[in-house]
Amino acid sequence: MISSVRGTVLSIAGSLVVVEVGGVGLAVQITPQHALSLRIGSEATLRTALIVREDDMSLYGFVDGDELAVFDALRGVTGVGPKSALGVLAVMDPGQIVQAVTLEDDSAFRKVSGIGPKTAKLIVLSLAGKLLISPSATRRAPATAAASVSDSVLVALVGLGWNERVAAQAVDDAVAVATDTERAAVPSLLRLALTKLGPAKFAASATAGTENVLT
């Protein structure tokens, strides 16, 4: 069982990151928000779960033990596979998941792609009283909201023609100089990211398409 990995980030493609550990590149599935926090060439430490199937071995990575614990709990629910469990964590942080289960709010889980009403209700019933996470995990909502805006801006830039790695760096640079108000609004953060990108190969098409993205 591989419970954690630490090494240099070799590549990031969407929600798949490759981390070099002892000369071996390990492909790890993570959430889009987690991917945005990593940088190629930097060191990363991930808590992990190795899922072994008859015809496949997949490694899933998490920010901390709370995410891993929730992931394992979700996989224990009938009808919820590892991809769906990771999908839940891409939409809600551990604190929000615990809150939804406590309030019996299955509508929160129906927002996740691939999870229908019956499975959402089963998640609430199955996990009631079973999720134990650290107090700090319930205080991640603002960061998750900010990440959601950043995700939307990244998707917009890639759609306009920029390379994902270049676009991700521009989003990070924009977030670093943005005000709280700008960080909370996709149009404002997108404009800042575009100024950080400056003249580029796809600048003409990006400029033409920006108005459509902002409306």
N, C-alpha and C. Protein backbone atom coordinates (compact mmCIF):
# COMPACT_ATOMS: atom_id res chain seq x y z
N MET A 1 0.85 -1.20 0.00
CA MET A 1 0.00 0.00 0.00
C MET A 1 0.88 1.25 0.00
N ILE A 2 0.64 2.14 -0.93
CA ILE A 2 1.38 3.41 -0.98
C ILE A 2 0.53 4.47 -0.29
N SER A 3 0.92 4.87 0.91
CA SER A 3 0.10 5.80 1.70
C SER A 3 0.50 7.26 1.51
N SER A 4 1.68 7.51 0.94
CA SER A 4 2.09 8.89 0.67
C SER A 4 3.26 8.88 -0.32
N VAL A 5 3.40 10.00 -1.04
CA VAL A 5 4.54 10.16 -1.93
C VAL A 5 5.10 11.57 -1.75
N ARG A 6 6.41 11.69 -1.88
CA ARG A 6 7.05 13.00 -1.83
C ARG A 6 8.15 13.03 -2.87
N GLY A 7 8.10 14.04 -3.71
CA GLY A 7 9.11 14.13 -4.75
C GLY A 7 8.89 15.34 -5.64
N THR A 8 9.62 15.39 -6.73
CA THR A 8 9.56 16.52 -7.65
C THR A 8 8.42 16.34 -8.66
N VAL A 9 7.67 17.40 -8.85
CA VAL A 9 6.58 17.37 -9.83
C VAL A 9 7.17 17.43 -11.23
N LEU A 10 6.93 16.39 -12.02
CA LEU A 10 7.47 16.33 -13.39
C LEU A 10 6.51 16.92 -14.40
N SER A 11 5.22 16.69 -14.21
CA SER A 11 4.24 17.20 -15.15
C SER A 11 2.88 17.31 -14.49
N ILE A 12 2.04 18.19 -15.05
CA ILE A 12 0.67 18.36 -14.58
C ILE A 12 -0.21 18.46 -15.82
N ALA A 13 -1.15 17.56 -15.94
CA ALA A 13 -2.07 17.58 -17.08
C ALA A 13 -3.49 17.43 -16.55
N GLY A 14 -4.18 18.55 -16.45
CA GLY A 14 -5.52 18.53 -15.87
C GLY A 14 -5.45 18.14 -14.41
N SER A 15 -6.05 16.99 -14.07
CA SER A 15 -6.01 16.52 -12.68
C SER A 15 -5.06 15.34 -12.51
N LEU A 16 -4.17 15.13 -13.48
CA LEU A 16 -3.17 14.06 -13.37
C LEU A 16 -1.79 14.69 -13.20
N VAL A 17 -1.14 14.35 -12.09
CA VAL A 17 0.20 14.88 -11.82
C VAL A 17 1.18 13.71 -11.76
N VAL A 18 2.37 13.93 -12.29
CA VAL A 18 3.42 12.92 -12.22
C VAL A 18 4.49 13.41 -11.25
N VAL A 19 4.73 12.63 -10.21
CA VAL A 19 5.71 12.97 -9.18
C VAL A 19 6.85 11.97 -9.22
N GLU A 20 8.07 12.47 -9.32
CA GLU A 20 9.24 11.59 -9.36
C GLU A 20 9.68 11.24 -7.94
N VAL A 21 9.69 9.95 -7.66
CA VAL A 21 10.10 9.46 -6.34
C VAL A 21 11.18 8.40 -6.55
N GLY A 22 12.40 8.71 -6.13
CA GLY A 22 13.49 7.76 -6.28
C GLY A 22 13.77 7.39 -7.72
N GLY A 23 13.62 8.35 -8.63
CA GLY A 23 13.89 8.09 -10.03
C GLY A 23 12.73 7.48 -10.80
N VAL A 24 11.61 7.26 -10.11
CA VAL A 24 10.42 6.68 -10.74
C VAL A 24 9.30 7.72 -10.77
N GLY A 25 8.70 7.91 -11.95
CA GLY A 25 7.60 8.86 -12.06
C GLY A 25 6.29 8.19 -11.75
N LEU A 26 5.60 8.66 -10.70
CA LEU A 26 4.32 8.09 -10.31
C LEU A 26 3.19 9.01 -10.78
N ALA A 27 2.25 8.45 -11.55
CA ALA A 27 1.09 9.21 -12.03
C ALA A 27 0.01 9.17 -10.95
N VAL A 28 -0.41 10.34 -10.50
CA VAL A 28 -1.36 10.42 -9.39
C VAL A 28 -2.57 11.26 -9.81
N GLN A 29 -3.76 10.74 -9.59
CA GLN A 29 -4.99 11.48 -9.86
C GLN A 29 -5.31 12.35 -8.66
N ILE A 30 -5.53 13.66 -8.89
CA ILE A 30 -5.85 14.58 -7.82
C ILE A 30 -7.01 15.47 -8.26
N THR A 31 -7.50 16.33 -7.38
CA THR A 31 -8.58 17.24 -7.76
C THR A 31 -8.00 18.41 -8.55
N PRO A 32 -8.82 19.07 -9.39
CA PRO A 32 -8.34 20.24 -10.14
C PRO A 32 -7.77 21.33 -9.23
N GLN A 33 -8.42 21.55 -8.07
CA GLN A 33 -7.93 22.57 -7.14
C GLN A 33 -6.54 22.23 -6.63
N HIS A 34 -6.34 20.96 -6.32
CA HIS A 34 -5.04 20.51 -5.84
C HIS A 34 -3.98 20.70 -6.92
N ALA A 35 -4.35 20.39 -8.17
CA ALA A 35 -3.42 20.53 -9.28
C ALA A 35 -2.96 21.97 -9.45
N LEU A 36 -3.86 22.91 -9.23
CA LEU A 36 -3.52 24.32 -9.38
C LEU A 36 -2.52 24.79 -8.32
N SER A 37 -2.45 24.08 -7.21
CA SER A 37 -1.53 24.48 -6.14
C SER A 37 -0.12 23.93 -6.34
N LEU A 38 0.06 23.04 -7.32
CA LEU A 38 1.36 22.44 -7.58
C LEU A 38 2.07 23.11 -8.74
N ARG A 39 3.40 23.03 -8.73
CA ARG A 39 4.19 23.63 -9.80
C ARG A 39 5.24 22.64 -10.30
N ILE A 40 5.40 22.57 -11.61
CA ILE A 40 6.40 21.68 -12.19
C ILE A 40 7.79 22.10 -11.71
N GLY A 41 8.57 21.12 -11.26
CA GLY A 41 9.91 21.39 -10.76
C GLY A 41 9.98 21.58 -9.26
N SER A 42 8.83 21.79 -8.62
CA SER A 42 8.81 21.96 -7.17
C SER A 42 8.56 20.62 -6.49
N GLU A 43 8.82 20.58 -5.18
CA GLU A 43 8.59 19.34 -4.44
C GLU A 43 7.16 19.30 -3.92
N ALA A 44 6.56 18.14 -3.96
CA ALA A 44 5.19 17.98 -3.48
C ALA A 44 5.10 16.76 -2.57
N THR A 45 4.25 16.86 -1.56
CA THR A 45 3.97 15.74 -0.68
C THR A 45 2.47 15.46 -0.74
N LEU A 46 2.10 14.26 -1.08
CA LEU A 46 0.69 13.90 -1.22
C LEU A 46 0.38 12.67 -0.37
N ARG A 47 -0.74 12.71 0.33
CA ARG A 47 -1.27 11.50 0.93
C ARG A 47 -1.94 10.73 -0.20
N THR A 48 -1.79 9.43 -0.22
CA THR A 48 -2.27 8.67 -1.38
C THR A 48 -3.05 7.41 -1.01
N ALA A 49 -3.83 6.96 -1.99
CA ALA A 49 -4.55 5.69 -1.88
C ALA A 49 -4.31 4.93 -3.18
N LEU A 50 -3.82 3.72 -3.09
CA LEU A 50 -3.58 2.88 -4.25
C LEU A 50 -4.79 1.97 -4.45
N ILE A 51 -5.44 2.13 -5.60
CA ILE A 51 -6.61 1.31 -5.91
C ILE A 51 -6.20 0.25 -6.92
N VAL A 52 -6.30 -1.00 -6.51
CA VAL A 52 -5.90 -2.12 -7.36
C VAL A 52 -7.13 -2.86 -7.86
N ARG A 53 -7.22 -2.99 -9.17
CA ARG A 53 -8.30 -3.74 -9.78
C ARG A 53 -7.72 -4.82 -10.67
N GLU A 54 -8.58 -5.66 -11.18
CA GLU A 54 -8.12 -6.79 -11.98
C GLU A 54 -7.26 -6.36 -13.16
N ASP A 55 -7.65 -5.25 -13.80
CA ASP A 55 -6.93 -4.81 -14.99
C ASP A 55 -6.32 -3.42 -14.86
N ASP A 56 -6.21 -2.93 -13.62
CA ASP A 56 -5.72 -1.56 -13.46
C ASP A 56 -5.19 -1.31 -12.05
N MET A 57 -4.18 -0.45 -11.97
CA MET A 57 -3.68 0.04 -10.68
C MET A 57 -3.61 1.56 -10.78
N SER A 58 -4.35 2.24 -9.92
CA SER A 58 -4.41 3.70 -9.98
C SER A 58 -4.06 4.29 -8.62
N LEU A 59 -3.34 5.41 -8.67
CA LEU A 59 -2.93 6.09 -7.45
C LEU A 59 -3.67 7.42 -7.35
N TYR A 60 -4.34 7.64 -6.24
CA TYR A 60 -5.08 8.87 -6.01
C TYR A 60 -4.40 9.68 -4.91
N GLY A 61 -4.27 10.98 -5.11
CA GLY A 61 -3.54 11.81 -4.16
C GLY A 61 -4.40 12.87 -3.50
N PHE A 62 -3.98 13.28 -2.28
CA PHE A 62 -4.77 14.22 -1.49
C PHE A 62 -3.88 15.20 -0.74
N VAL A 63 -4.46 16.33 -0.39
CA VAL A 63 -3.73 17.38 0.31
C VAL A 63 -3.32 16.91 1.70
N ASP A 64 -4.23 16.23 2.40
CA ASP A 64 -3.95 15.81 3.77
C ASP A 64 -4.74 14.56 4.14
N GLY A 65 -4.59 14.16 5.40
CA GLY A 65 -5.25 12.96 5.88
C GLY A 65 -6.76 13.06 5.92
N ASP A 66 -7.29 14.27 6.12
CA ASP A 66 -8.74 14.45 6.15
C ASP A 66 -9.36 14.12 4.79
N GLU A 67 -8.74 14.62 3.73
CA GLU A 67 -9.26 14.31 2.39
C GLU A 67 -9.18 12.81 2.11
N LEU A 68 -8.07 12.20 2.51
CA LEU A 68 -7.90 10.76 2.29
C LEU A 68 -8.95 9.98 3.07
N ALA A 69 -9.22 10.37 4.31
CA ALA A 69 -10.20 9.68 5.14
C ALA A 69 -11.60 9.78 4.52
N VAL A 70 -11.94 10.95 4.02
CA VAL A 70 -13.25 11.14 3.39
C VAL A 70 -13.33 10.32 2.10
N PHE A 71 -12.24 10.32 1.34
CA PHE A 71 -12.18 9.54 0.10
C PHE A 71 -12.44 8.06 0.39
N ASP A 72 -11.77 7.52 1.41
CA ASP A 72 -11.94 6.11 1.77
C ASP A 72 -13.37 5.83 2.23
N ALA A 73 -13.94 6.78 3.00
CA ALA A 73 -15.31 6.60 3.49
C ALA A 73 -16.30 6.60 2.33
N LEU A 74 -16.10 7.50 1.38
CA LEU A 74 -17.00 7.59 0.23
C LEU A 74 -16.94 6.32 -0.61
N ARG A 75 -15.73 5.76 -0.75
CA ARG A 75 -15.58 4.53 -1.55
C ARG A 75 -16.29 3.34 -0.91
N GLY A 76 -16.57 3.46 0.38
CA GLY A 76 -17.26 2.39 1.08
C GLY A 76 -18.77 2.41 0.84
N VAL A 77 -19.24 3.46 0.17
CA VAL A 77 -20.68 3.57 -0.11
C VAL A 77 -20.98 2.85 -1.42
N THR A 78 -21.98 2.02 -1.42
CA THR A 78 -22.37 1.28 -2.62
C THR A 78 -22.66 2.23 -3.78
N GLY A 79 -22.03 1.97 -4.90
CA GLY A 79 -22.26 2.80 -6.08
C GLY A 79 -21.29 3.95 -6.24
N VAL A 80 -20.39 4.14 -5.27
CA VAL A 80 -19.41 5.22 -5.34
C VAL A 80 -18.01 4.64 -5.56
N GLY A 81 -17.47 4.84 -6.76
CA GLY A 81 -16.13 4.38 -7.07
C GLY A 81 -15.11 5.45 -6.75
N PRO A 82 -13.83 5.17 -6.96
CA PRO A 82 -12.78 6.14 -6.65
C PRO A 82 -12.89 7.44 -7.44
N LYS A 83 -13.30 7.36 -8.72
CA LYS A 83 -13.42 8.58 -9.52
C LYS A 83 -14.55 9.46 -9.01
N SER A 84 -15.66 8.84 -8.63
CA SER A 84 -16.78 9.60 -8.07
C SER A 84 -16.42 10.20 -6.72
N ALA A 85 -15.69 9.43 -5.91
CA ALA A 85 -15.26 9.92 -4.59
C ALA A 85 -14.35 11.13 -4.75
N LEU A 86 -13.44 11.06 -5.72
CA LEU A 86 -12.55 12.20 -5.97
C LEU A 86 -13.37 13.37 -6.51
N GLY A 87 -14.40 13.06 -7.30
CA GLY A 87 -15.27 14.10 -7.82
C GLY A 87 -15.98 14.86 -6.72
N VAL A 88 -16.38 14.16 -5.67
CA VAL A 88 -17.02 14.82 -4.52
C VAL A 88 -16.05 15.79 -3.87
N LEU A 89 -14.80 15.35 -3.70
CA LEU A 89 -13.78 16.21 -3.08
C LEU A 89 -13.40 17.39 -3.97
N ALA A 90 -13.67 17.28 -5.27
CA ALA A 90 -13.40 18.39 -6.18
C ALA A 90 -14.46 19.47 -6.03
N VAL A 91 -15.63 19.08 -5.52
CA VAL A 91 -16.74 20.03 -5.37
C VAL A 91 -16.84 20.56 -3.94
N MET A 92 -16.56 19.69 -2.97
CA MET A 92 -16.68 20.07 -1.55
C MET A 92 -15.43 19.68 -0.78
N ASP A 93 -15.06 20.50 0.20
CA ASP A 93 -13.95 20.12 1.06
C ASP A 93 -14.47 19.20 2.16
N PRO A 94 -13.59 18.55 2.94
CA PRO A 94 -14.04 17.62 3.98
C PRO A 94 -15.04 18.22 4.96
N GLY A 95 -14.82 19.48 5.35
CA GLY A 95 -15.74 20.13 6.29
C GLY A 95 -17.14 20.26 5.71
N GLN A 96 -17.23 20.63 4.45
CA GLN A 96 -18.53 20.78 3.79
C GLN A 96 -19.22 19.44 3.63
N ILE A 97 -18.43 18.40 3.39
CA ILE A 97 -19.00 17.06 3.25
C ILE A 97 -19.59 16.60 4.58
N VAL A 98 -18.85 16.82 5.65
CA VAL A 98 -19.35 16.46 6.99
C VAL A 98 -20.63 17.23 7.30
N GLN A 99 -20.63 18.51 6.96
CA GLN A 99 -21.81 19.34 7.22
C GLN A 99 -23.03 18.83 6.43
N ALA A 100 -22.80 18.48 5.16
CA ALA A 100 -23.90 17.98 4.33
C ALA A 100 -24.46 16.68 4.90
N VAL A 101 -23.57 15.80 5.36
CA VAL A 101 -24.02 14.53 5.94
C VAL A 101 -24.77 14.78 7.24
N THR A 102 -24.24 15.67 8.07
CA THR A 102 -24.87 15.97 9.36
C THR A 102 -26.26 16.55 9.18
N LEU A 103 -26.41 17.43 8.18
CA LEU A 103 -27.71 18.07 7.92
C LEU A 103 -28.61 17.23 7.02
N GLU A 104 -28.11 16.05 6.64
CA GLU A 104 -28.85 15.16 5.74
C GLU A 104 -29.20 15.87 4.44
N ASP A 105 -28.26 16.65 3.94
CA ASP A 105 -28.45 17.43 2.72
C ASP A 105 -27.87 16.67 1.53
N ASP A 106 -28.66 15.76 0.97
CA ASP A 106 -28.17 14.97 -0.15
C ASP A 106 -28.08 15.78 -1.44
N SER A 107 -28.72 16.96 -1.46
CA SER A 107 -28.68 17.80 -2.67
C SER A 107 -27.25 18.25 -2.97
N ALA A 108 -26.42 18.39 -1.93
CA ALA A 108 -25.04 18.81 -2.12
C ALA A 108 -24.27 17.78 -2.95
N PHE A 109 -24.58 16.50 -2.76
CA PHE A 109 -23.87 15.45 -3.48
C PHE A 109 -24.41 15.26 -4.90
N ARG A 110 -25.65 15.68 -5.12
CA ARG A 110 -26.22 15.56 -6.46
C ARG A 110 -25.57 16.53 -7.45
N LYS A 111 -24.83 17.50 -6.92
CA LYS A 111 -24.14 18.46 -7.78
C LYS A 111 -22.90 17.83 -8.44
N VAL A 112 -22.50 16.69 -7.92
CA VAL A 112 -21.30 16.01 -8.43
C VAL A 112 -21.66 15.18 -9.66
N SER A 113 -20.91 15.36 -10.72
CA SER A 113 -21.16 14.61 -11.96
C SER A 113 -21.05 13.11 -11.70
N GLY A 114 -22.05 12.36 -12.14
CA GLY A 114 -22.01 10.92 -11.99
C GLY A 114 -22.72 10.40 -10.75
N ILE A 115 -23.17 11.31 -9.88
CA ILE A 115 -23.88 10.89 -8.67
C ILE A 115 -25.34 11.31 -8.78
N GLY A 116 -26.21 10.32 -8.84
CA GLY A 116 -27.64 10.59 -8.96
C GLY A 116 -28.31 10.71 -7.61
N PRO A 117 -29.63 10.98 -7.62
CA PRO A 117 -30.38 11.16 -6.37
C PRO A 117 -30.29 9.98 -5.41
N LYS A 118 -30.40 8.75 -5.94
CA LYS A 118 -30.36 7.58 -5.06
C LYS A 118 -29.01 7.42 -4.39
N THR A 119 -27.95 7.60 -5.16
CA THR A 119 -26.60 7.47 -4.60
C THR A 119 -26.32 8.59 -3.61
N ALA A 120 -26.79 9.79 -3.92
CA ALA A 120 -26.58 10.93 -3.02
C ALA A 120 -27.24 10.67 -1.67
N LYS A 121 -28.45 10.16 -1.71
CA LYS A 121 -29.16 9.85 -0.46
C LYS A 121 -28.46 8.72 0.30
N LEU A 122 -27.94 7.76 -0.44
CA LEU A 122 -27.23 6.64 0.18
C LEU A 122 -25.94 7.10 0.85
N ILE A 123 -25.26 8.09 0.25
CA ILE A 123 -24.05 8.65 0.84
C ILE A 123 -24.36 9.23 2.22
N VAL A 124 -25.44 10.02 2.28
CA VAL A 124 -25.83 10.66 3.54
C VAL A 124 -26.16 9.60 4.60
N LEU A 125 -26.91 8.60 4.21
CA LEU A 125 -27.32 7.56 5.16
C LEU A 125 -26.13 6.71 5.61
N SER A 126 -25.24 6.40 4.68
CA SER A 126 -24.11 5.51 4.98
C SER A 126 -23.03 6.17 5.82
N LEU A 127 -22.84 7.48 5.62
CA LEU A 127 -21.74 8.17 6.31
C LEU A 127 -22.16 8.86 7.61
N ALA A 128 -23.43 8.84 7.93
CA ALA A 128 -23.90 9.50 9.15
C ALA A 128 -23.14 9.00 10.37
N GLY A 129 -22.48 9.91 11.06
CA GLY A 129 -21.74 9.59 12.28
C GLY A 129 -20.42 8.88 12.07
N LYS A 130 -19.99 8.72 10.83
CA LYS A 130 -18.77 7.97 10.55
C LYS A 130 -17.57 8.84 10.15
N LEU A 131 -17.80 10.11 9.89
CA LEU A 131 -16.72 10.96 9.42
C LEU A 131 -16.10 11.73 10.57
N LEU A 132 -14.82 11.47 10.82
CA LEU A 132 -14.07 12.17 11.86
C LEU A 132 -12.92 12.91 11.21
N ILE A 133 -12.97 14.25 11.24
CA ILE A 133 -11.91 15.05 10.63
C ILE A 133 -11.45 16.09 11.63
N SER A 134 -10.28 16.68 11.36
CA SER A 134 -9.73 17.69 12.26
C SER A 134 -10.54 18.98 12.17
N PRO A 135 -10.58 19.79 13.26
CA PRO A 135 -11.34 21.04 13.25
C PRO A 135 -10.94 21.98 12.12
N SER A 136 -9.65 21.98 11.75
CA SER A 136 -9.19 22.90 10.71
C SER A 136 -9.83 22.61 9.36
N ALA A 137 -10.28 21.39 9.15
CA ALA A 137 -10.84 21.02 7.85
C ALA A 137 -12.16 21.74 7.58
N THR A 138 -12.83 22.19 8.63
CA THR A 138 -14.11 22.88 8.44
C THR A 138 -13.92 24.34 8.08
N ARG A 139 -12.68 24.79 8.00
CA ARG A 139 -12.43 26.21 7.73
C ARG A 139 -11.83 26.43 6.36
N ARG A 140 -12.04 25.51 5.43
CA ARG A 140 -11.44 25.63 4.11
C ARG A 140 -12.35 26.22 3.05
N ALA A 141 -13.59 26.51 3.38
CA ALA A 141 -14.55 26.98 2.38
C ALA A 141 -14.08 28.19 1.59
N PRO A 142 -13.52 29.26 2.24
CA PRO A 142 -13.07 30.42 1.46
C PRO A 142 -12.02 30.05 0.43
N ALA A 143 -11.06 29.20 0.81
CA ALA A 143 -10.01 28.81 -0.13
C ALA A 143 -10.59 28.02 -1.28
N THR A 144 -11.59 27.17 -0.98
CA THR A 144 -12.22 26.39 -2.02
C THR A 144 -12.97 27.28 -2.99
N ALA A 145 -13.64 28.30 -2.46
CA ALA A 145 -14.37 29.23 -3.31
C ALA A 145 -13.42 29.97 -4.23
N ALA A 146 -12.26 30.40 -3.66
CA ALA A 146 -11.27 31.11 -4.47
C ALA A 146 -10.71 30.19 -5.54
N ALA A 147 -10.49 28.93 -5.17
CA ALA A 147 -9.97 27.97 -6.15
C ALA A 147 -10.96 27.76 -7.28
N SER A 148 -12.26 27.81 -6.94
CA SER A 148 -13.28 27.63 -7.96
C SER A 148 -13.22 28.74 -9.01
N VAL A 149 -13.01 29.98 -8.56
CA VAL A 149 -12.87 31.10 -9.48
C VAL A 149 -11.62 30.91 -10.33
N SER A 150 -10.53 30.52 -9.69
CA SER A 150 -9.28 30.30 -10.42
C SER A 150 -9.44 29.20 -11.46
N ASP A 151 -10.16 28.14 -11.09
CA ASP A 151 -10.42 27.04 -12.03
C ASP A 151 -11.15 27.55 -13.26
N SER A 152 -12.17 28.39 -13.03
CA SER A 152 -12.97 28.90 -14.14
C SER A 152 -12.11 29.77 -15.06
N VAL A 153 -11.24 30.58 -14.47
CA VAL A 153 -10.36 31.43 -15.27
C VAL A 153 -9.38 30.58 -16.07
N LEU A 154 -8.84 29.53 -15.44
CA LEU A 154 -7.91 28.64 -16.14
C LEU A 154 -8.59 27.98 -17.33
N VAL A 155 -9.79 27.49 -17.11
CA VAL A 155 -10.55 26.86 -18.20
C VAL A 155 -10.79 27.85 -19.33
N ALA A 156 -11.11 29.10 -18.97
CA ALA A 156 -11.36 30.13 -19.98
C ALA A 156 -10.11 30.40 -20.81
N LEU A 157 -8.96 30.50 -20.14
CA LEU A 157 -7.71 30.79 -20.85
C LEU A 157 -7.32 29.65 -21.78
N VAL A 158 -7.48 28.43 -21.31
CA VAL A 158 -7.17 27.27 -22.16
C VAL A 158 -8.10 27.25 -23.36
N GLY A 159 -9.37 27.60 -23.11
CA GLY A 159 -10.33 27.65 -24.20
C GLY A 159 -10.00 28.73 -25.22
N LEU A 160 -9.31 29.77 -24.76
CA LEU A 160 -8.92 30.85 -25.66
C LEU A 160 -7.63 30.52 -26.44
N GLY A 161 -7.00 29.40 -26.09
CA GLY A 161 -5.85 28.96 -26.88
C GLY A 161 -4.52 28.90 -26.18
N TRP A 162 -4.46 29.30 -24.91
CA TRP A 162 -3.17 29.25 -24.22
C TRP A 162 -2.85 27.87 -23.70
N ASN A 163 -1.58 27.55 -23.66
CA ASN A 163 -1.10 26.31 -23.07
C ASN A 163 -1.51 26.27 -21.60
N GLU A 164 -1.94 25.09 -21.11
CA GLU A 164 -2.46 25.00 -19.74
C GLU A 164 -1.42 25.41 -18.69
N ARG A 165 -0.17 25.01 -18.90
CA ARG A 165 0.86 25.36 -17.93
C ARG A 165 1.08 26.87 -17.87
N VAL A 166 1.14 27.51 -19.05
CA VAL A 166 1.32 28.97 -19.12
C VAL A 166 0.12 29.67 -18.51
N ALA A 167 -1.08 29.16 -18.82
CA ALA A 167 -2.30 29.76 -18.30
C ALA A 167 -2.36 29.66 -16.78
N ALA A 168 -1.96 28.50 -16.24
CA ALA A 168 -1.99 28.30 -14.79
C ALA A 168 -1.06 29.27 -14.08
N GLN A 169 0.12 29.51 -14.66
CA GLN A 169 1.05 30.45 -14.07
C GLN A 169 0.48 31.87 -14.10
N ALA A 170 -0.19 32.22 -15.20
CA ALA A 170 -0.80 33.55 -15.31
C ALA A 170 -1.90 33.73 -14.26
N VAL A 171 -2.67 32.67 -14.01
CA VAL A 171 -3.72 32.74 -13.00
C VAL A 171 -3.10 32.95 -11.62
N ASP A 172 -2.03 32.21 -11.33
CA ASP A 172 -1.35 32.38 -10.04
C ASP A 172 -0.82 33.81 -9.87
N ASP A 173 -0.22 34.33 -10.93
CA ASP A 173 0.32 35.70 -10.88
C ASP A 173 -0.80 36.71 -10.66
N ALA A 174 -1.95 36.46 -11.31
CA ALA A 174 -3.08 37.37 -11.17
C ALA A 174 -3.64 37.32 -9.76
N VAL A 175 -3.75 36.12 -9.20
CA VAL A 175 -4.26 35.96 -7.83
C VAL A 175 -3.36 36.68 -6.83
N ALA A 176 -2.05 36.65 -7.09
CA ALA A 176 -1.08 37.26 -6.17
C ALA A 176 -1.23 38.77 -6.06
N VAL A 177 -1.68 39.42 -7.14
CA VAL A 177 -1.79 40.87 -7.12
C VAL A 177 -3.24 41.37 -7.03
N ALA A 178 -4.19 40.44 -7.12
CA ALA A 178 -5.61 40.82 -7.14
C ALA A 178 -6.10 41.23 -5.75
N THR A 179 -7.10 42.08 -5.73
CA THR A 179 -7.76 42.42 -4.48
C THR A 179 -8.72 41.29 -4.12
N ASP A 180 -9.25 41.31 -2.91
CA ASP A 180 -10.20 40.27 -2.50
C ASP A 180 -11.41 40.24 -3.42
N THR A 181 -11.86 41.42 -3.83
CA THR A 181 -13.02 41.51 -4.72
C THR A 181 -12.70 40.91 -6.08
N GLU A 182 -11.51 41.18 -6.61
CA GLU A 182 -11.12 40.65 -7.91
C GLU A 182 -10.95 39.14 -7.86
N ARG A 183 -10.44 38.62 -6.74
CA ARG A 183 -10.24 37.17 -6.61
C ARG A 183 -11.57 36.42 -6.60
N ALA A 184 -12.63 37.12 -6.21
CA ALA A 184 -13.94 36.47 -6.08
C ALA A 184 -14.77 36.54 -7.35
N ALA A 185 -14.27 37.23 -8.38
CA ALA A 185 -15.05 37.40 -9.61
C ALA A 185 -14.27 36.91 -10.82
N VAL A 186 -14.85 36.01 -11.57
CA VAL A 186 -14.18 35.44 -12.73
C VAL A 186 -13.78 36.50 -13.77
N PRO A 187 -14.69 37.42 -14.15
CA PRO A 187 -14.31 38.43 -15.15
C PRO A 187 -13.11 39.27 -14.74
N SER A 188 -13.09 39.71 -13.47
CA SER A 188 -12.00 40.55 -12.99
C SER A 188 -10.68 39.80 -12.97
N LEU A 189 -10.72 38.56 -12.48
CA LEU A 189 -9.49 37.78 -12.39
C LEU A 189 -9.01 37.39 -13.80
N LEU A 190 -9.95 37.16 -14.70
CA LEU A 190 -9.58 36.82 -16.07
C LEU A 190 -8.86 37.99 -16.73
N ARG A 191 -9.37 39.21 -16.53
CA ARG A 191 -8.72 40.39 -17.13
C ARG A 191 -7.29 40.53 -16.61
N LEU A 192 -7.10 40.31 -15.30
CA LEU A 192 -5.76 40.41 -14.71
C LEU A 192 -4.84 39.33 -15.30
N ALA A 193 -5.36 38.13 -15.44
CA ALA A 193 -4.56 37.03 -16.00
C ALA A 193 -4.15 37.35 -17.43
N LEU A 194 -5.06 37.94 -18.20
CA LEU A 194 -4.75 38.29 -19.59
C LEU A 194 -3.65 39.34 -19.66
N THR A 195 -3.65 40.27 -18.71
CA THR A 195 -2.59 41.29 -18.71
C THR A 195 -1.25 40.66 -18.35
N LYS A 196 -1.28 39.61 -17.50
CA LYS A 196 -0.05 38.93 -17.13
C LYS A 196 0.51 38.14 -18.31
N LEU A 197 -0.37 37.62 -19.15
CA LEU A 197 0.07 36.85 -20.31
C LEU A 197 0.72 37.74 -21.35
N GLY A 198 0.18 38.94 -21.54
CA GLY A 198 0.75 39.89 -22.49
C GLY A 198 0.68 39.37 -23.90
N PRO A 199 1.49 39.93 -24.82
CA PRO A 199 1.49 39.47 -26.21
C PRO A 199 1.87 38.00 -26.27
N ALA A 200 1.09 37.23 -26.97
CA ALA A 200 1.36 35.79 -27.09
C ALA A 200 0.85 35.29 -28.43
N LYS A 201 1.19 34.05 -28.69
CA LYS A 201 0.85 33.47 -29.98
C LYS A 201 -0.64 33.52 -30.25
N PHE A 202 -1.41 33.35 -29.18
CA PHE A 202 -2.84 33.30 -29.37
C PHE A 202 -3.53 34.58 -28.90
N ALA A 203 -2.78 35.65 -28.78
CA ALA A 203 -3.33 36.89 -28.24
C ALA A 203 -4.50 37.40 -29.06
N ALA A 204 -4.38 37.34 -30.37
CA ALA A 204 -5.43 37.87 -31.22
C ALA A 204 -6.76 37.15 -31.00
N SER A 205 -6.67 35.82 -31.00
CA SER A 205 -7.90 35.06 -30.81
C SER A 205 -8.42 35.21 -29.40
N ALA A 206 -7.50 35.37 -28.44
CA ALA A 206 -7.92 35.53 -27.05
C ALA A 206 -8.67 36.83 -26.87
N THR A 207 -8.14 37.89 -27.48
CA THR A 207 -8.78 39.19 -27.35
C THR A 207 -10.17 39.16 -27.96
N ALA A 208 -10.28 38.48 -29.09
CA ALA A 208 -11.57 38.40 -29.77
C ALA A 208 -12.58 37.63 -28.95
N GLY A 209 -12.09 36.62 -28.19
CA GLY A 209 -13.02 35.78 -27.46
C GLY A 209 -13.28 36.21 -26.05
N THR A 210 -12.52 37.16 -25.55
CA THR A 210 -12.65 37.57 -24.15
C THR A 210 -14.05 38.08 -23.83
N GLU A 211 -14.63 38.87 -24.73
CA GLU A 211 -15.93 39.43 -24.45
C GLU A 211 -16.97 38.33 -24.27
N ASN A 212 -16.83 37.25 -25.05
CA ASN A 212 -17.77 36.15 -24.93
C ASN A 212 -17.63 35.46 -23.58
N VAL A 213 -16.38 35.32 -23.10
CA VAL A 213 -16.13 34.67 -21.82
C VAL A 213 -16.65 35.49 -20.67
N LEU A 214 -16.53 36.81 -20.80
CA LEU A 214 -16.91 37.69 -19.71
C LEU A 214 -18.41 37.90 -19.60
N THR A 215 -19.15 37.57 -20.66
CA THR A 215 -20.61 37.77 -20.62
C THR A 215 -21.32 36.55 -20.10
